[in-house]
């Protein structure tokens, strides 16, 4: 009969014999409290556009986007909501 792995309490990785798991627990590829790469990518693109689309600063834009999103602790508004807000502000 084949062996099955022992069930763990979820806080350890069986391959590491009792050491805490290095796998993220929030499911988005990062540590708790981090922002998703999609959110960072959207914000980095906004930064890129706001500085006139100058090439060669993509890494700096990415780092700045991460910093901004982590500071606010909030997700940027969805694009559709943003369009509605702008339309109301202009009266269109």
C-alpha atoms as a PDB file:
ATOM      1  CA  UNK A   1       0.000   0.000   0.000  1.00  0.00           C
ATOM      2  CA  UNK A   2       1.450   3.452  -0.929  1.00  0.00           C
ATOM      3  CA  UNK A   3       2.316   5.902   1.783  1.00  0.00           C
ATOM      4  CA  UNK A   4       0.429   9.164   2.077  1.00  0.00           C
ATOM      5  CA  UNK A   5       1.955  12.313   3.535  1.00  0.00           C
ATOM      6  CA  UNK A   6       1.097  13.128   7.124  1.00  0.00           C
ATOM      7  CA  UNK A   7      -1.417  15.895   7.655  1.00  0.00           C
ATOM      8  CA  UNK A   8       0.098  19.042   9.139  1.00  0.00           C
ATOM      9  CA  UNK A   9      -1.404  21.915  11.039  1.00  0.00           C
ATOM     10  CA  UNK A  10      -0.951  24.199   8.023  1.00  0.00           C
ATOM     11  CA  UNK A  11       1.734  26.313   9.654  1.00  0.00           C
ATOM     12  CA  UNK A  12       4.646  24.176   8.587  1.00  0.00           C
ATOM     13  CA  UNK A  13       5.944  22.748   5.360  1.00  0.00           C
ATOM     14  CA  UNK A  14       6.343  18.938   5.629  1.00  0.00           C
ATOM     15  CA  UNK A  15       9.396  19.055   3.356  1.00  0.00           C
ATOM     16  CA  UNK A  16      11.141  21.356   5.838  1.00  0.00           C
ATOM     17  CA  UNK A  17      10.542  19.081   8.852  1.00  0.00           C
ATOM     18  CA  UNK A  18       8.709  21.469  11.142  1.00  0.00           C
ATOM     19  CA  UNK A  19      10.065  24.807   9.962  1.00  0.00           C
ATOM     20  CA  UNK A  20       7.521  27.485   9.015  1.00  0.00           C
ATOM     21  CA  UNK A  21       6.362  27.400   5.435  1.00  0.00           C
ATOM     22  CA  UNK A  22       7.813  29.924   3.007  1.00  0.00           C
ATOM     23  CA  UNK A  23       4.689  29.773   0.858  1.00  0.00           C
ATOM     24  CA  UNK A  24       2.454  32.863   0.878  1.00  0.00           C
ATOM     25  CA  UNK A  25      -0.736  32.454   2.839  1.00  0.00           C
ATOM     26  CA  UNK A  26      -2.881  35.087   1.163  1.00  0.00           C
ATOM     27  CA  UNK A  27      -2.994  33.548  -2.304  1.00  0.00           C
ATOM     28  CA  UNK A  28      -1.802  36.586  -4.266  1.00  0.00           C
ATOM     29  CA  UNK A  29       1.863  35.649  -4.486  1.00  0.00           C
ATOM     30  CA  UNK A  30       3.054  37.920  -1.713  1.00  0.00           C
ATOM     31  CA  UNK A  31       3.002  38.384   2.006  1.00  0.00           C
ATOM     32  CA  UNK A  32      -0.015  39.421   3.990  1.00  0.00           C
ATOM     33  CA  UNK A  33      -0.779  43.093   3.423  1.00  0.00           C
ATOM     34  CA  UNK A  34       0.812  43.231   0.001  1.00  0.00           C
ATOM     35  CA  UNK A  35      -0.843  44.438  -3.168  1.00  0.00           C
ATOM     36  CA  UNK A  36      -1.357  42.338  -6.281  1.00  0.00           C
ATOM     37  CA  UNK A  37       0.942  42.645  -9.267  1.00  0.00           C
ATOM     38  CA  UNK A  38      -2.064  43.651 -11.411  1.00  0.00           C
ATOM     39  CA  UNK A  39      -2.735  46.623  -9.133  1.00  0.00           C
ATOM     40  CA  UNK A  40       0.919  47.636  -9.211  1.00  0.00           C
ATOM     41  CA  UNK A  41       1.055  47.286 -13.004  1.00  0.00           C
ATOM     42  CA  UNK A  42      -1.995  49.532 -13.437  1.00  0.00           C
ATOM     43  CA  UNK A  43      -0.568  52.178 -11.109  1.00  0.00           C
ATOM     44  CA  UNK A  44       2.898  51.981 -12.712  1.00  0.00           C
ATOM     45  CA  UNK A  45       1.302  52.578 -16.119  1.00  0.00           C
ATOM     46  CA  UNK A  46      -0.551  55.604 -14.748  1.00  0.00           C
ATOM     47  CA  UNK A  47       2.753  56.959 -13.428  1.00  0.00           C
ATOM     48  CA  UNK A  48       4.390  56.303 -16.816  1.00  0.00           C
ATOM     49  CA  UNK A  49       1.616  58.219 -18.578  1.00  0.00           C
ATOM     50  CA  UNK A  50       1.670  61.078 -16.068  1.00  0.00           C
ATOM     51  CA  UNK A  51       5.339  61.771 -16.789  1.00  0.00           C
ATOM     52  CA  UNK A  52       4.784  61.899 -20.536  1.00  0.00           C
ATOM     53  CA  UNK A  53       5.495  58.301 -21.525  1.00  0.00           C
ATOM     54  CA  UNK A  54       9.276  58.588 -21.246  1.00  0.00           C
ATOM     55  CA  UNK A  55      10.830  55.156 -21.757  1.00  0.00           C
ATOM     56  CA  UNK A  56      13.515  53.532 -19.644  1.00  0.00           C
ATOM     57  CA  UNK A  57      12.075  54.142 -16.182  1.00  0.00           C
ATOM     58  CA  UNK A  58       9.758  51.144 -15.942  1.00  0.00           C
ATOM     59  CA  UNK A  59      11.471  49.691 -12.874  1.00  0.00           C
ATOM     60  CA  UNK A  60      11.341  53.045 -11.091  1.00  0.00           C
ATOM     61  CA  UNK A  61       7.655  53.380 -11.999  1.00  0.00           C
ATOM     62  CA  UNK A  62       6.986  49.888 -10.615  1.00  0.00           C
ATOM     63  CA  UNK A  63       8.733  50.648  -7.321  1.00  0.00           C
ATOM     64  CA  UNK A  64       6.926  53.967  -6.972  1.00  0.00           C
ATOM     65  CA  UNK A  65       3.575  52.284  -7.679  1.00  0.00           C
ATOM     66  CA  UNK A  66       4.228  49.632  -5.016  1.00  0.00           C
ATOM     67  CA  UNK A  67       5.223  52.313  -2.526  1.00  0.00           C
ATOM     68  CA  UNK A  68       2.115  54.388  -3.201  1.00  0.00           C
ATOM     69  CA  UNK A  69      -0.281  51.443  -3.016  1.00  0.00           C
ATOM     70  CA  UNK A  70       1.236  50.110   0.196  1.00  0.00           C
ATOM     71  CA  UNK A  71       1.103  53.561   1.809  1.00  0.00           C
ATOM     72  CA  UNK A  72      -2.561  54.069   1.023  1.00  0.00           C
ATOM     73  CA  UNK A  73      -3.499  50.484   1.770  1.00  0.00           C
ATOM     74  CA  UNK A  74      -6.271  50.819  -0.766  1.00  0.00           C
ATOM     75  CA  UNK A  75      -6.798  49.558  -4.263  1.00  0.00           C
ATOM     76  CA  UNK A  76      -7.059  52.104  -7.050  1.00  0.00           C
ATOM     77  CA  UNK A  77     -10.641  52.618  -8.246  1.00  0.00           C
ATOM     78  CA  UNK A  78     -11.784  50.440 -11.138  1.00  0.00           C
ATOM     79  CA  UNK A  79     -11.606  52.066 -14.544  1.00  0.00           C
ATOM     80  CA  UNK A  80     -15.395  52.132 -15.058  1.00  0.00           C
ATOM     81  CA  UNK A  81     -15.959  53.935 -11.749  1.00  0.00           C
ATOM     82  CA  UNK A  82     -13.193  56.363 -12.633  1.00  0.00           C
ATOM     83  CA  UNK A  83     -14.887  57.184 -15.955  1.00  0.00           C
ATOM     84  CA  UNK A  84     -18.247  57.764 -14.241  1.00  0.00           C
ATOM     85  CA  UNK A  85     -16.628  60.067 -11.705  1.00  0.00           C
ATOM     86  CA  UNK A  86     -14.931  62.107 -14.418  1.00  0.00           C
ATOM     87  CA  UNK A  87     -18.171  62.336 -16.405  1.00  0.00           C
ATOM     88  CA  UNK A  88     -20.031  63.678 -13.373  1.00  0.00           C
ATOM     89  CA  UNK A  89     -17.298  66.225 -12.684  1.00  0.00           C
ATOM     90  CA  UNK A  90     -17.426  67.581 -16.242  1.00  0.00           C
ATOM     91  CA  UNK A  91     -21.206  67.414 -16.507  1.00  0.00           C
ATOM     92  CA  UNK A  92     -21.147  65.109 -19.557  1.00  0.00           C
END
